[in-house]
Amino acid sequence: MKRVIMAVVALLVVASGLAIYTAVTHTKAAVTTCGDPRDEMFCSSWVGSSFYVFDTGSETSPNPGLANSTINEEAGDLGLNVVKYEMLTAPCGLTDNATGCTTPEEVDAALDGIQERDLSATPLVVLPPVVNTCPEDKECTSAYTDQCDTGDWAWDGDGSSEGSGFTMLAWDEWLITEATNDGVFLFELGNEPDNYCDTGMQSSYRDDGDPSWACTTTGDEQSDHVTSYSYENLWDCVVPALRAFARANGLGEIYIGGPAWSTWDDDTADIADHNYTASNLWDIEEFVRHEVAEYNLTGDSDYIPDFVSVHTYLPATPGGNDTYDTETIGDQLVNEMATSEDLSNAESKASTQIATWSDGFNDLQTWMDENVSDYSIGGEKLNDYIKIVDSEYDDTPNASDTVNTTQAYSQDWCDWYYTQMFNMLNDDNLWGSVQFALSGGNATQGTLGDLNLIDPATGDENDCYSSFQDKERLRHSQKA
């Protein structure tokens, strides 16, 4: 979804019967309690939330909301421990755009704020591309650099053809250095690249043993199998290099997932008809298939994602194929939650959508069980090793909606929605989920309205705050 924000509410869970993981400190276990070769965090569930009130004063600086004791306390009362952090502008040391860049001090303040005070949370840091706001001619005038550019800028070239003067790989290395020095080890590559960057998954995977197209960096070097818009190509160029970079520089092991796909469905009919572009399920399967093929051919486990991720927002465009009843106010359609009929209709439509998401998650796990269980890392079969995460969700992608705050049936809707979402997360045994967002906004957008659990301007709790809190605590007690 298009927004300017750096962190979101997060809730990470795993299969039933496992203890809740509450430690913030990253410690590499010689032998984990579940036999996972990575870290104890992969043995148990995470319960998290974000707390970060963003950019009420500027486009780039960490928001002074971290100093807001009321919001800090309310966020702490949720009892959660994961915050998703998105760095929107390039490092100041890599760009000459001094008014639209991020300093090390700003990143440190953000990550320290997440890990300290009332939150004591673990950051989940998103690596670019995060957002793209530049025009087609690539003459980027905004602070948000053209993160979706292709060719040498996007992978590992000098960037001269686009005038950026730096590379995405250099940006990632800079951010990983800052983050790991703050004790951060969990990352996600990209934010809705299929939305912002028109990135797709390629239609075939490497099966000829030829490693030459594992990472191609310019259009002239692209093989028939890979295009510059392939997410697998981005992953192959960036992730193994970043893991090696972290080890070589004494930063330790880092864990990375993706692709944070903007939509999620389970259209098996489209897959059967080879209409792959219509199915997000196929997209994620193709990503996993490709990286497992790389691992099988090279023996390099750095290709394997620690988790795969998608986003699940309820459709909420007024007048479209959406979840809510609408009313015309002036010349605009407004989503309604004013009557019991509005509530009933929304529940009916949302039930169908949530069931579709659930089917997709189940089918993805079944597919991995059937197709990648013959491969393993450190004794852990890949169908268990690769976790599934819903890395953003909310009942609307629109900050201007008011369905879950101030309307007559907003509280009832919030209670119903979070009950259904937490039931899905538990029943489908997802390792993680990220609610968007706890309390966010910036100088351009203002507050994020319906997307927030806490109003960043006033500190007031929106209707969904108590719903999320109650359902989270119920889920917590069931899992403990």
Foldseek 3Di string as FASTA:
>chain_A
DDDQWFKAFKWFFFAFQFAEDDAQFFDFDPAEPVRFNGGVLLRGFFFAADDFAAAAPARAAGDPLLVVVLSLQLRLLLVGAEMEGEHQAFAVVQAVPNRQHYYLVRLLVRQVSSCDDSHVHAYAYEQDPEAADADPVLPRDDSRHHRLDFFQQAFPHCCVVSPGRHHSLVRVLVSLVSQLVSNHFHYEYYAQCCPRRVAAAWPDADDPLDCQVQEDGGQVSHDPGDDRRHVSNSLSRHQVVNQVSCVVVVSDGHAYEDDQHEAAFDPVVCVVVVVQVVHPLSRQVSQQVRLLVVCVSPVDCSSHHQEYEYAAEFADDFPPLGLFDWDDDPNDTAGDDADVVRLVSSLVSVVVSLVRRLVSLLVSLVCCVVPQQVDDDSPHTSSSRYFYENAEYDHHPALPHCCLFDHPCNLVNLLSVLLSVLVSCNVSRGRIYTYQHAWYDHNVGQTSHPSHQAHSVPRDGGSNSVSNSVSSVVSNVSRD
